[in-house]
PDB file of N, CA and C in Angstrom:
ATOM      1  N   MET A   1       0.936  -1.186   0.088  1.00  0.00           N
ATOM      2  CA  MET A   1      -0.001   0.048  -0.016  1.00  0.00           C
ATOM      3  C   MET A   1       0.946   1.291  -0.166  1.00  0.00           C
ATOM      4  N   ILE A   2       0.430   2.086  -0.878  1.00  0.00           N
ATOM      5  CA  ILE A   2       1.276   3.552  -0.814  1.00  0.00           C
ATOM      6  C   ILE A   2       0.829   4.523   0.288  1.00  0.00           C
ATOM      7  N   VAL A   3       1.754   4.746   1.113  1.00  0.00           N
ATOM      8  CA  VAL A   3       1.401   5.706   2.553  1.00  0.00           C
ATOM      9  C   VAL A   3       1.497   7.205   1.863  1.00  0.00           C
ATOM     10  N   GLY A   4       2.463   7.331   1.134  1.00  0.00           N
ATOM     11  CA  GLY A   4       2.775   8.911   0.676  1.00  0.00           C
ATOM     12  C   GLY A   4       3.570   8.855  -0.637  1.00  0.00           C
ATOM     13  N   ILE A   5       3.461   9.879  -1.254  1.00  0.00           N
ATOM     14  CA  ILE A   5       4.256  10.079  -2.533  1.00  0.00           C
ATOM     15  C   ILE A   5       4.911  11.671  -2.477  1.00  0.00           C
ATOM     16  N   GLY A   6       5.992  11.875  -2.843  1.00  0.00           N
ATOM     17  CA  GLY A   6       6.490  13.306  -2.762  1.00  0.00           C
ATOM     18  C   GLY A   6       7.451  13.446  -4.010  1.00  0.00           C
ATOM     19  N   VAL A   7       7.303  14.572  -4.497  1.00  0.00           N
ATOM     20  CA  VAL A   7       8.054  15.009  -5.734  1.00  0.00           C
ATOM     21  C   VAL A   7       8.889  16.445  -5.535  1.00  0.00           C
ATOM     22  N   ASP A   8       9.921  16.822  -5.925  1.00  0.00           N
ATOM     23  CA  ASP A   8      10.297  18.083  -5.717  1.00  0.00           C
ATOM     24  C   ASP A   8      11.323  18.421  -7.083  1.00  0.00           C
ATOM     25  N   VAL A   9      11.278  19.659  -7.341  1.00  0.00           N
ATOM     26  CA  VAL A   9      12.234  20.192  -8.368  1.00  0.00           C
ATOM     27  C   VAL A   9      13.097  21.276  -7.827  1.00  0.00           C
ATOM     28  N   VAL A  10      14.420  21.090  -8.132  1.00  0.00           N
ATOM     29  CA  VAL A  10      15.279  22.470  -7.871  1.00  0.00           C
ATOM     30  C   VAL A  10      15.952  22.702  -8.957  1.00  0.00           C
ATOM     31  N   ASP A  11      16.087  24.221  -9.177  1.00  0.00           N
ATOM     32  CA  ASP A  11      17.050  24.746 -10.225  1.00  0.00           C
ATOM     33  C   ASP A  11      18.125  24.876  -9.757  1.00  0.00           C
ATOM     34  N   VAL A  12      19.113  24.020 -10.454  1.00  0.00           N
ATOM     35  CA  VAL A  12      20.667  23.806 -10.027  1.00  0.00           C
ATOM     36  C   VAL A  12      21.327  24.969  -9.874  1.00  0.00           C
ATOM     37  N   ALA A  13      21.263  26.019 -10.777  1.00  0.00           N
ATOM     38  CA  ALA A  13      22.070  27.232 -10.504  1.00  0.00           C
ATOM     39  C   ALA A  13      21.600  28.044  -9.450  1.00  0.00           C
ATOM     40  N   ARG A  14      20.372  28.405  -9.249  1.00  0.00           N
ATOM     41  CA  ARG A  14      19.796  28.942  -8.206  1.00  0.00           C
ATOM     42  C   ARG A  14      20.388  28.263  -6.714  1.00  0.00           C
ATOM     43  N   PHE A  15      20.219  26.961  -6.763  1.00  0.00           N
ATOM     44  CA  PHE A  15      20.582  26.219  -5.704  1.00  0.00           C
ATOM     45  C   PHE A  15      22.112  26.469  -5.293  1.00  0.00           C
ATOM     46  N   GLU A  16      22.995  26.408  -6.219  1.00  0.00           N
ATOM     47  CA  GLU A  16      24.373  26.705  -6.214  1.00  0.00           C
ATOM     48  C   GLU A  16      24.699  28.112  -5.848  1.00  0.00           C
ATOM     49  N   ALA A  17      23.929  29.002  -6.143  1.00  0.00           N
ATOM     50  CA  ALA A  17      24.063  30.568  -5.956  1.00  0.00           C
ATOM     51  C   ALA A  17      23.757  30.450  -4.266  1.00  0.00           C
ATOM     52  N   THR A  18      22.786  29.893  -3.830  1.00  0.00           N
ATOM     53  CA  THR A  18      22.466  29.766  -2.422  1.00  0.00           C
ATOM     54  C   THR A  18      23.447  29.263  -1.571  1.00  0.00           C
ATOM     55  N   LEU A  19      23.860  28.151  -1.989  1.00  0.00           N
ATOM     56  CA  LEU A  19      25.153  27.553  -1.148  1.00  0.00           C
ATOM     57  C   LEU A  19      26.259  28.353  -1.020  1.00  0.00           C
ATOM     58  N   THR A  20      26.411  29.261  -2.141  1.00  0.00           N
ATOM     59  CA  THR A  20      27.846  30.035  -2.413  1.00  0.00           C
ATOM     60  C   THR A  20      27.485  31.139  -1.464  1.00  0.00           C
ATOM     61  N   ARG A  21      26.338  31.862  -1.481  1.00  0.00           N
ATOM     62  CA  ARG A  21      25.886  32.712  -0.664  1.00  0.00           C
ATOM     63  C   ARG A  21      25.888  32.627   0.915  1.00  0.00           C
ATOM     64  N   THR A  22      25.443  31.527   1.077  1.00  0.00           N
ATOM     65  CA  THR A  22      25.506  30.813   2.465  1.00  0.00           C
ATOM     66  C   THR A  22      25.929  29.726   2.800  1.00  0.00           C
ATOM     67  N   PRO A  23      27.387  29.489   2.961  1.00  0.00           N
ATOM     68  CA  PRO A  23      28.115  28.396   3.045  1.00  0.00           C
ATOM     69  C   PRO A  23      27.423  27.390   4.138  1.00  0.00           C
ATOM     70  N   ALA A  24      27.229  27.969   5.270  1.00  0.00           N
ATOM     71  CA  ALA A  24      26.968  27.286   6.506  1.00  0.00           C
ATOM     72  C   ALA A  24      25.504  26.204   6.078  1.00  0.00           C
ATOM     73  N   LEU A  25      24.791  26.798   5.195  1.00  0.00           N
ATOM     74  CA  LEU A  25      23.728  26.057   4.696  1.00  0.00           C
ATOM     75  C   LEU A  25      23.980  24.507   4.445  1.00  0.00           C
ATOM     76  N   ARG A  26      25.082  24.292   3.882  1.00  0.00           N
ATOM     77  CA  ARG A  26      25.584  22.855   3.223  1.00  0.00           C
ATOM     78  C   ARG A  26      25.487  21.986   4.640  1.00  0.00           C
ATOM     79  N   ALA A  27      25.961  22.454   5.581  1.00  0.00           N
ATOM     80  CA  ALA A  27      26.016  21.649   6.889  1.00  0.00           C
ATOM     81  C   ALA A  27      24.713  21.385   7.389  1.00  0.00           C
ATOM     82  N   ARG A  28      23.859  22.462   7.228  1.00  0.00           N
ATOM     83  CA  ARG A  28      22.424  22.164   7.877  1.00  0.00           C
ATOM     84  C   ARG A  28      21.679  21.224   6.972  1.00  0.00           C
ATOM     85  N   LEU A  29      21.821  21.254   5.911  1.00  0.00           N
ATOM     86  CA  LEU A  29      20.944  20.398   4.622  1.00  0.00           C
ATOM     87  C   LEU A  29      21.449  19.035   4.648  1.00  0.00           C
ATOM     88  N   PHE A  30      22.888  18.839   4.541  1.00  0.00           N
ATOM     89  CA  PHE A  30      23.548  17.667   4.008  1.00  0.00           C
ATOM     90  C   PHE A  30      24.392  16.920   5.235  1.00  0.00           C
ATOM     91  N   THR A  31      24.334  15.513   5.246  1.00  0.00           N
ATOM     92  CA  THR A  31      25.322  14.781   5.997  1.00  0.00           C
ATOM     93  C   THR A  31      26.800  15.101   5.582  1.00  0.00           C
ATOM     94  N   GLU A  32      27.673  14.569   6.227  1.00  0.00           N
ATOM     95  CA  GLU A  32      29.095  14.544   5.724  1.00  0.00           C
ATOM     96  C   GLU A  32      29.378  13.927   4.584  1.00  0.00           C
ATOM     97  N   ALA A  33      28.650  12.721   4.350  1.00  0.00           N
ATOM     98  CA  ALA A  33      28.811  12.045   3.051  1.00  0.00           C
ATOM     99  C   ALA A  33      28.173  12.435   1.775  1.00  0.00           C
ATOM    100  N   GLU A  34      27.100  13.259   2.069  1.00  0.00           N
ATOM    101  CA  GLU A  34      26.579  13.941   1.022  1.00  0.00           C
ATOM    102  C   GLU A  34      27.337  15.321   0.758  1.00  0.00           C
ATOM    103  N   GLY A  35      27.842  16.086   1.728  1.00  0.00           N
ATOM    104  CA  GLY A  35      28.174  17.517   1.546  1.00  0.00           C
ATOM    105  C   GLY A  35      29.390  17.416   0.553  1.00  0.00           C
ATOM    106  N   VAL A  36      30.069  16.407   0.271  1.00  0.00           N
ATOM    107  CA  VAL A  36      31.162  16.474  -0.619  1.00  0.00           C
ATOM    108  C   VAL A  36      30.948  16.392  -2.049  1.00  0.00           C
ATOM    109  N   LEU A  37      29.635  16.169  -2.512  1.00  0.00           N
ATOM    110  CA  LEU A  37      29.263  15.736  -3.723  1.00  0.00           C
ATOM    111  C   LEU A  37      29.122  17.030  -4.803  1.00  0.00           C
ATOM    112  N   ALA A  38      29.028  16.913  -5.930  1.00  0.00           N
ATOM    113  CA  ALA A  38      28.932  17.801  -6.872  1.00  0.00           C
ATOM    114  C   ALA A  38      27.506  18.784  -6.640  1.00  0.00           C
ATOM    115  N   THR A  39      27.522  19.976  -7.132  1.00  0.00           N
ATOM    116  CA  THR A  39      26.189  20.544  -6.930  1.00  0.00           C
ATOM    117  C   THR A  39      24.951  20.126  -7.370  1.00  0.00           C
ATOM    118  N   GLU A  40      25.062  19.359  -8.743  1.00  0.00           N
ATOM    119  CA  GLU A  40      23.988  18.708  -9.126  1.00  0.00           C
ATOM    120  C   GLU A  40      23.292  17.559  -8.371  1.00  0.00           C
ATOM    121  N   SER A  41      24.332  16.804  -7.920  1.00  0.00           N
ATOM    122  CA  SER A  41      24.091  15.780  -6.960  1.00  0.00           C
ATOM    123  C   SER A  41      23.387  16.436  -5.583  1.00  0.00           C
ATOM    124  N   LEU A  42      23.946  17.372  -5.293  1.00  0.00           N
ATOM    125  CA  LEU A  42      23.404  18.079  -3.949  1.00  0.00           C
ATOM    126  C   LEU A  42      21.963  18.448  -4.121  1.00  0.00           C
ATOM    127  N   ALA A  43      21.695  19.107  -5.232  1.00  0.00           N
ATOM    128  CA  ALA A  43      20.327  19.649  -5.673  1.00  0.00           C
ATOM    129  C   ALA A  43      19.420  18.475  -5.837  1.00  0.00           C
ATOM    130  N   ALA A  44      19.965  17.355  -6.379  1.00  0.00           N
ATOM    131  CA  ALA A  44      19.149  16.246  -6.328  1.00  0.00           C
ATOM    132  C   ALA A  44      18.551  15.732  -5.077  1.00  0.00           C
ATOM    133  N   ARG A  45      19.649  15.716  -4.069  1.00  0.00           N
ATOM    134  CA  ARG A  45      19.443  15.143  -2.734  1.00  0.00           C
ATOM    135  C   ARG A  45      18.473  16.127  -1.964  1.00  0.00           C
ATOM    136  N   PHE A  46      18.730  17.321  -2.014  1.00  0.00           N
ATOM    137  CA  PHE A  46      18.047  18.507  -1.566  1.00  0.00           C
ATOM    138  C   PHE A  46      16.436  18.159  -1.908  1.00  0.00           C
ATOM    139  N   ALA A  47      16.133  18.142  -3.206  1.00  0.00           N
ATOM    140  CA  ALA A  47      14.998  17.721  -3.791  1.00  0.00           C
ATOM    141  C   ALA A  47      14.358  16.247  -3.032  1.00  0.00           C
ATOM    142  N   ALA A  48      15.129  15.412  -2.923  1.00  0.00           N
ATOM    143  CA  ALA A  48      14.817  14.256  -2.376  1.00  0.00           C
ATOM    144  C   ALA A  48      14.442  14.567  -0.867  1.00  0.00           C
ATOM    145  N   LYS A  49      15.094  15.238  -0.190  1.00  0.00           N
ATOM    146  CA  LYS A  49      14.738  15.572   1.081  1.00  0.00           C
ATOM    147  C   LYS A  49      13.443  16.168   1.407  1.00  0.00           C
ATOM    148  N   GLU A  50      13.213  17.187   0.366  1.00  0.00           N
ATOM    149  CA  GLU A  50      11.985  17.823   0.320  1.00  0.00           C
ATOM    150  C   GLU A  50      10.756  16.893  -0.127  1.00  0.00           C
ATOM    151  N   ALA A  51      10.965  16.089  -0.897  1.00  0.00           N
ATOM    152  CA  ALA A  51       9.967  15.060  -1.410  1.00  0.00           C
ATOM    153  C   ALA A  51       9.648  14.148  -0.300  1.00  0.00           C
ATOM    154  N   VAL A  52      10.652  13.635   0.513  1.00  0.00           N
ATOM    155  CA  VAL A  52      10.269  12.823   1.725  1.00  0.00           C
ATOM    156  C   VAL A  52       9.364  13.545   2.673  1.00  0.00           C
ATOM    157  N   ALA A  53       9.763  14.797   2.931  1.00  0.00           N
ATOM    158  CA  ALA A  53       8.791  15.606   3.853  1.00  0.00           C
ATOM    159  C   ALA A  53       7.405  15.614   3.298  1.00  0.00           C
ATOM    160  N   LYS A  54       7.227  15.841   1.854  1.00  0.00           N
ATOM    161  CA  LYS A  54       5.888  15.867   1.453  1.00  0.00           C
ATOM    162  C   LYS A  54       5.268  14.276   1.422  1.00  0.00           C
ATOM    163  N   ALA A  55       5.934  13.327   1.191  1.00  0.00           N
ATOM    164  CA  ALA A  55       5.437  11.867   1.286  1.00  0.00           C
ATOM    165  C   ALA A  55       4.857  11.589   2.848  1.00  0.00           C
ATOM    166  N   LEU A  56       5.621  12.292   3.692  1.00  0.00           N
ATOM    167  CA  LEU A  56       5.272  12.189   5.123  1.00  0.00           C
ATOM    168  C   LEU A  56       4.271  13.101   5.598  1.00  0.00           C
ATOM    169  N   GLY A  57       3.863  13.767   4.619  1.00  0.00           N
ATOM    170  CA  GLY A  57       2.591  14.990   5.069  1.00  0.00           C
ATOM    171  C   GLY A  57       3.241  16.116   5.632  1.00  0.00           C
ATOM    172  N   VAL A  58       4.385  16.478   5.691  1.00  0.00           N
ATOM    173  CA  VAL A  58       5.079  17.594   5.950  1.00  0.00           C
ATOM    174  C   VAL A  58       4.689  17.985   7.516  1.00  0.00           C
ATOM    175  N   PRO A  59       4.998  16.753   8.562  1.00  0.00           N
ATOM    176  CA  PRO A  59       5.043  17.030   9.918  1.00  0.00           C
ATOM    177  C   PRO A  59       6.028  17.915  10.350  1.00  0.00           C
ATOM    178  N   PRO A  60       5.456  18.528  11.553  1.00  0.00           N
ATOM    179  CA  PRO A  60       6.680  19.607  12.257  1.00  0.00           C
ATOM    180  C   PRO A  60       7.659  18.983  12.805  1.00  0.00           C
ATOM    181  N   GLY A  61       8.908  19.504  12.816  1.00  0.00           N
ATOM    182  CA  GLY A  61      10.056  19.121  13.386  1.00  0.00           C
ATOM    183  C   GLY A  61      10.876  18.181  12.545  1.00  0.00           C
ATOM    184  N   LEU A  62      10.612  18.042  11.492  1.00  0.00           N
ATOM    185  CA  LEU A  62      11.518  17.489  10.284  1.00  0.00           C
ATOM    186  C   LEU A  62      12.724  18.515  10.033  1.00  0.00           C
ATOM    187  N   ARG A  63      14.024  17.692  10.054  1.00  0.00           N
ATOM    188  CA  ARG A  63      15.164  18.476   9.660  1.00  0.00           C
ATOM    189  C   ARG A  63      15.492  17.714   8.512  1.00  0.00           C
ATOM    190  N   HIS A  64      16.521  18.523   7.641  1.00  0.00           N
ATOM    191  CA  HIS A  64      16.743  17.987   6.247  1.00  0.00           C
ATOM    192  C   HIS A  64      17.950  16.849   6.760  1.00  0.00           C
ATOM    193  N   LEU A  65      18.598  17.078   7.811  1.00  0.00           N
ATOM    194  CA  LEU A  65      19.442  16.000   8.150  1.00  0.00           C
ATOM    195  C   LEU A  65      18.953  14.638   8.578  1.00  0.00           C
ATOM    196  N   ASP A  66      17.560  14.534   8.810  1.00  0.00           N
ATOM    197  CA  ASP A  66      16.955  13.341   9.058  1.00  0.00           C
ATOM    198  C   ASP A  66      16.787  12.475   7.675  1.00  0.00           C
ATOM    199  N   ALA A  67      17.149  12.805   6.519  1.00  0.00           N
ATOM    200  CA  ALA A  67      16.990  11.937   5.389  1.00  0.00           C
ATOM    201  C   ALA A  67      18.223  12.012   4.716  1.00  0.00           C
ATOM    202  N   GLU A  68      18.886  11.051   4.508  1.00  0.00           N
ATOM    203  CA  GLU A  68      19.947  10.973   3.800  1.00  0.00           C
ATOM    204  C   GLU A  68      19.915   9.951   2.575  1.00  0.00           C
ATOM    205  N   VAL A  69      20.475  10.553   1.500  1.00  0.00           N
ATOM    206  CA  VAL A  69      20.485   9.617   0.304  1.00  0.00           C
ATOM    207  C   VAL A  69      21.676   8.890   0.075  1.00  0.00           C
ATOM    208  N   ARG A  70      21.783   7.731   0.006  1.00  0.00           N
ATOM    209  CA  ARG A  70      23.015   6.744  -0.222  1.00  0.00           C
ATOM    210  C   ARG A  70      22.973   6.210  -1.359  1.00  0.00           C
ATOM    211  N   VAL A  71      24.134   5.806  -1.827  1.00  0.00           N
ATOM    212  CA  VAL A  71      24.222   4.975  -2.903  1.00  0.00           C
ATOM    213  C   VAL A  71      24.094   3.520  -2.759  1.00  0.00           C
ATOM    214  N   GLY A  72      23.078   2.725  -3.152  1.00  0.00           N
ATOM    215  CA  GLY A  72      23.160   1.364  -2.919  1.00  0.00           C
ATOM    216  C   GLY A  72      23.587   0.549  -3.991  1.00  0.00           C
ATOM    217  N   ALA A  73      23.366  -0.739  -4.108  1.00  0.00           N
ATOM    218  CA  ALA A  73      23.707  -1.698  -5.173  1.00  0.00           C
ATOM    219  C   ALA A  73      23.413  -1.255  -6.610  1.00  0.00           C
ATOM    220  N   HIS A  74      24.470  -1.401  -7.206  1.00  0.00           N
ATOM    221  CA  HIS A  74      24.361  -1.039  -8.729  1.00  0.00           C
ATOM    222  C   HIS A  74      24.215   0.518  -8.898  1.00  0.00           C
ATOM    223  N   GLY A  75      24.660   1.231  -7.949  1.00  0.00           N
ATOM    224  CA  GLY A  75      24.502   2.805  -8.196  1.00  0.00           C
ATOM    225  C   GLY A  75      23.047   3.374  -7.832  1.00  0.00           C
ATOM    226  N   ARG A  76      22.258   2.509  -7.350  1.00  0.00           N
ATOM    227  CA  ARG A  76      20.844   3.014  -6.983  1.00  0.00           C
ATOM    228  C   ARG A  76      20.738   3.922  -5.935  1.00  0.00           C
ATOM    229  N   PRO A  77      19.946   4.953  -5.787  1.00  0.00           N
ATOM    230  CA  PRO A  77      19.892   5.675  -4.522  1.00  0.00           C
ATOM    231  C   PRO A  77      18.815   4.983  -3.649  1.00  0.00           C
ATOM    232  N   GLU A  78      19.219   5.290  -2.249  1.00  0.00           N
ATOM    233  CA  GLU A  78      18.576   4.608  -1.047  1.00  0.00           C
ATOM    234  C   GLU A  78      18.507   5.463  -0.150  1.00  0.00           C
ATOM    235  N   LEU A  79      17.253   5.525   0.522  1.00  0.00           N
ATOM    236  CA  LEU A  79      16.743   6.602   1.484  1.00  0.00           C
ATOM    237  C   LEU A  79      17.318   5.996   2.906  1.00  0.00           C
ATOM    238  N   HIS A  80      17.951   6.653   3.723  1.00  0.00           N
ATOM    239  CA  HIS A  80      18.047   6.472   5.153  1.00  0.00           C
ATOM    240  C   HIS A  80      17.471   7.485   6.024  1.00  0.00           C
ATOM    241  N   LEU A  81      16.662   7.090   6.767  1.00  0.00           N
ATOM    242  CA  LEU A  81      15.816   8.113   7.631  1.00  0.00           C
ATOM    243  C   LEU A  81      16.402   7.966   9.146  1.00  0.00           C
ATOM    244  N   ASP A  82      16.198   9.068   9.774  1.00  0.00           N
ATOM    245  CA  ASP A  82      16.795   9.170  11.176  1.00  0.00           C
ATOM    246  C   ASP A  82      15.747  10.234  11.873  1.00  0.00           C
ATOM    247  N   GLY A  83      15.945  10.253  13.062  1.00  0.00           N
ATOM    248  CA  GLY A  83      15.358  11.422  13.961  1.00  0.00           C
ATOM    249  C   GLY A  83      13.687  11.376  13.894  1.00  0.00           C
ATOM    250  N   ARG A  84      13.399  12.511  13.672  1.00  0.00           N
ATOM    251  CA  ARG A  84      11.789  12.863  13.433  1.00  0.00           C
ATOM    252  C   ARG A  84      11.162  12.173  12.255  1.00  0.00           C
ATOM    253  N   ALA A  85      11.965  12.210  11.144  1.00  0.00           N
ATOM    254  CA  ALA A  85      11.433  11.612   9.934  1.00  0.00           C
ATOM    255  C   ALA A  85      11.395  10.122  10.033  1.00  0.00           C
ATOM    256  N   ALA A  86      12.198   9.480  10.691  1.00  0.00           N
ATOM    257  CA  ALA A  86      11.961   7.939  11.098  1.00  0.00           C
ATOM    258  C   ALA A  86      10.933   7.742  12.102  1.00  0.00           C
ATOM    259  N   ASP A  87      10.822   8.701  12.911  1.00  0.00           N
ATOM    260  CA  ASP A  87       9.604   8.293  13.822  1.00  0.00           C
ATOM    261  C   ASP A  87       8.264   8.636  13.228  1.00  0.00           C
ATOM    262  N   VAL A  88       8.165   9.507  12.227  1.00  0.00           N
ATOM    263  CA  VAL A  88       6.908   9.803  11.537  1.00  0.00           C
ATOM    264  C   VAL A  88       6.586   8.651  10.726  1.00  0.00           C
ATOM    265  N   ALA A  89       7.703   8.204   9.880  1.00  0.00           N
ATOM    266  CA  ALA A  89       7.471   7.068   8.976  1.00  0.00           C
ATOM    267  C   ALA A  89       7.053   5.791   9.605  1.00  0.00           C
ATOM    268  N   ARG A  90       7.789   5.676  10.992  1.00  0.00           N
ATOM    269  CA  ARG A  90       7.286   4.356  11.500  1.00  0.00           C
ATOM    270  C   ARG A  90       5.863   4.514  12.115  1.00  0.00           C
ATOM    271  N   GLU A  91       5.413   5.769  12.467  1.00  0.00           N
ATOM    272  CA  GLU A  91       3.998   6.062  13.051  1.00  0.00           C
ATOM    273  C   GLU A  91       3.058   5.787  11.810  1.00  0.00           C
ATOM    274  N   LEU A  92       3.466   5.902  10.426  1.00  0.00           N
ATOM    275  CA  LEU A  92       2.638   5.963   9.349  1.00  0.00           C
ATOM    276  C   LEU A  92       2.670   4.356   8.959  1.00  0.00           C
ATOM    277  N   GLY A  93       3.518   3.558   9.368  1.00  0.00           N
ATOM    278  CA  GLY A  93       3.598   2.143   8.804  1.00  0.00           C
ATOM    279  C   GLY A  93       4.388   2.054   7.541  1.00  0.00           C
ATOM    280  N   VAL A  94       5.243   3.004   7.331  1.00  0.00           N
ATOM    281  CA  VAL A  94       6.271   2.978   6.178  1.00  0.00           C
ATOM    282  C   VAL A  94       7.170   1.854   6.454  1.00  0.00           C
ATOM    283  N   VAL A  95       7.229   0.927   5.540  1.00  0.00           N
ATOM    284  CA  VAL A  95       8.278  -0.344   5.733  1.00  0.00           C
ATOM    285  C   VAL A  95       9.249  -0.215   4.548  1.00  0.00           C
ATOM    286  N   ARG A  96       8.843   0.686   3.434  1.00  0.00           N
ATOM    287  CA  ARG A  96       9.942   0.581   2.284  1.00  0.00           C
ATOM    288  C   ARG A  96       9.891   1.842   1.323  1.00  0.00           C
ATOM    289  N   TRP A  97      11.030   2.423   1.079  1.00  0.00           N
ATOM    290  CA  TRP A  97      11.013   3.668   0.478  1.00  0.00           C
ATOM    291  C   TRP A  97      11.398   3.360  -1.069  1.00  0.00           C
ATOM    292  N   HIS A  98      10.828   4.098  -2.041  1.00  0.00           N
ATOM    293  CA  HIS A  98      11.394   4.113  -3.251  1.00  0.00           C
ATOM    294  C   HIS A  98      11.694   5.399  -3.862  1.00  0.00           C
ATOM    295  N   ILE A  99      12.952   5.598  -4.374  1.00  0.00           N
ATOM    296  CA  ILE A  99      13.553   6.944  -4.821  1.00  0.00           C
ATOM    297  C   ILE A  99      13.845   6.974  -6.243  1.00  0.00           C
ATOM    298  N   SER A 100      13.748   8.013  -6.848  1.00  0.00           N
ATOM    299  CA  SER A 100      14.245   8.179  -8.337  1.00  0.00           C
ATOM    300  C   SER A 100      14.929   9.630  -8.238  1.00  0.00           C
ATOM    301  N   LEU A 101      15.937   9.857  -8.873  1.00  0.00           N
ATOM    302  CA  LEU A 101      16.746  11.112  -8.860  1.00  0.00           C
ATOM    303  C   LEU A 101      17.082  11.287 -10.261  1.00  0.00           C
ATOM    304  N   THR A 102      17.368  12.628 -10.693  1.00  0.00           N
ATOM    305  CA  THR A 102      17.646  13.109 -12.124  1.00  0.00           C
ATOM    306  C   THR A 102      18.119  14.363 -11.878  1.00  0.00           C
ATOM    307  N   HIS A 103      19.096  14.763 -12.692  1.00  0.00           N
ATOM    308  CA  HIS A 103      19.425  16.026 -13.093  1.00  0.00           C
ATOM    309  C   HIS A 103      19.697  16.264 -14.403  1.00  0.00           C
ATOM    310  N   ASP A 104      19.104  17.134 -15.075  1.00  0.00           N
ATOM    311  CA  ASP A 104      19.365  17.415 -16.414  1.00  0.00           C
ATOM    312  C   ASP A 104      18.700  18.944 -16.766  1.00  0.00           C
ATOM    313  N   GLY A 105      19.265  19.635 -17.910  1.00  0.00           N
ATOM    314  CA  GLY A 105      18.734  20.878 -18.376  1.00  0.00           C
ATOM    315  C   GLY A 105      18.713  21.963 -17.213  1.00  0.00           C
ATOM    316  N   GLY A 106      19.506  21.868 -16.259  1.00  0.00           N
ATOM    317  CA  GLY A 106      19.502  22.995 -15.140  1.00  0.00           C
ATOM    318  C   GLY A 106      18.525  22.667 -13.951  1.00  0.00           C
ATOM    319  N   VAL A 107      17.914  21.551 -13.970  1.00  0.00           N
ATOM    320  CA  VAL A 107      17.013  21.284 -12.852  1.00  0.00           C
ATOM    321  C   VAL A 107      17.363  19.779 -12.372  1.00  0.00           C
ATOM    322  N   ALA A 108      16.969  19.588 -11.091  1.00  0.00           N
ATOM    323  CA  ALA A 108      17.213  18.361 -10.404  1.00  0.00           C
ATOM    324  C   ALA A 108      15.746  18.037  -9.832  1.00  0.00           C
ATOM    325  N   ILE A 109      15.554  16.706 -10.016  1.00  0.00           N
ATOM    326  CA  ILE A 109      14.223  16.277  -9.680  1.00  0.00           C
ATOM    327  C   ILE A 109      14.368  15.095  -8.657  1.00  0.00           C
ATOM    328  N   ALA A 110      13.453  14.902  -7.874  1.00  0.00           N
ATOM    329  CA  ALA A 110      13.525  13.492  -6.908  1.00  0.00           C
ATOM    330  C   ALA A 110      12.068  13.193  -6.983  1.00  0.00           C
ATOM    331  N   TYR A 111      11.712  12.036  -6.991  1.00  0.00           N
ATOM    332  CA  TYR A 111      10.323  11.333  -6.972  1.00  0.00           C
ATOM    333  C   TYR A 111      10.520  10.194  -5.744  1.00  0.00           C
ATOM    334  N   VAL A 112       9.537  10.288  -4.786  1.00  0.00           N
ATOM    335  CA  VAL A 112       9.746   9.390  -3.646  1.00  0.00           C
ATOM    336  C   VAL A 112       8.391   8.749  -3.332  1.00  0.00           C
ATOM    337  N   ILE A 113       8.370   7.533  -2.979  1.00  0.00           N
ATOM    338  CA  ILE A 113       7.064   6.725  -2.720  1.00  0.00           C
ATOM    339  C   ILE A 113       7.456   5.950  -1.372  1.00  0.00           C
ATOM    340  N   ALA A 114       6.452   6.338  -0.486  1.00  0.00           N
ATOM    341  CA  ALA A 114       6.579   5.632   0.917  1.00  0.00           C
ATOM    342  C   ALA A 114       5.646   4.544   1.018  1.00  0.00           C
ATOM    343  N   GLU A 115       6.149   3.139   1.048  1.00  0.00           N
ATOM    344  CA  GLU A 115       5.362   2.223   1.095  1.00  0.00           C
ATOM    345  C   GLU A 115       4.972   1.507   2.395  1.00  0.00           C
ATOM    346  N   GLY A 116       3.918   1.214   2.580  1.00  0.00           N
ATOM    347  CA  GLY A 116       3.499   0.390   3.920  1.00  0.00           C
ATOM    348  C   GLY A 116       3.243  -0.960   3.756  1.00  0.00           C
TER     349      GLY A 116
END
């Protein structure tokens, strides 16, 4: 059963300008492993974090660091939740996440499905 769906789009140039203008933002948005990635990958991961929030119904208290995108088998992205996001997912009965990321033409897009 699908518990929630989230999608988000990020303008990569605008996102890069924001990170340049506010360098501390990188540490507030991304884990150490994510923070070293290229801007396009960071934009896709930021979109994924926003998509996770939407899939969970945007509950209060979520932090961007509560959702991390890791690279799984065969280069496939995987979601790992912690903190408030993990708590809400557990309360909603989410047992599996599906995620798709892309960046092309100056935008990054993430699509997330929470399955119960």
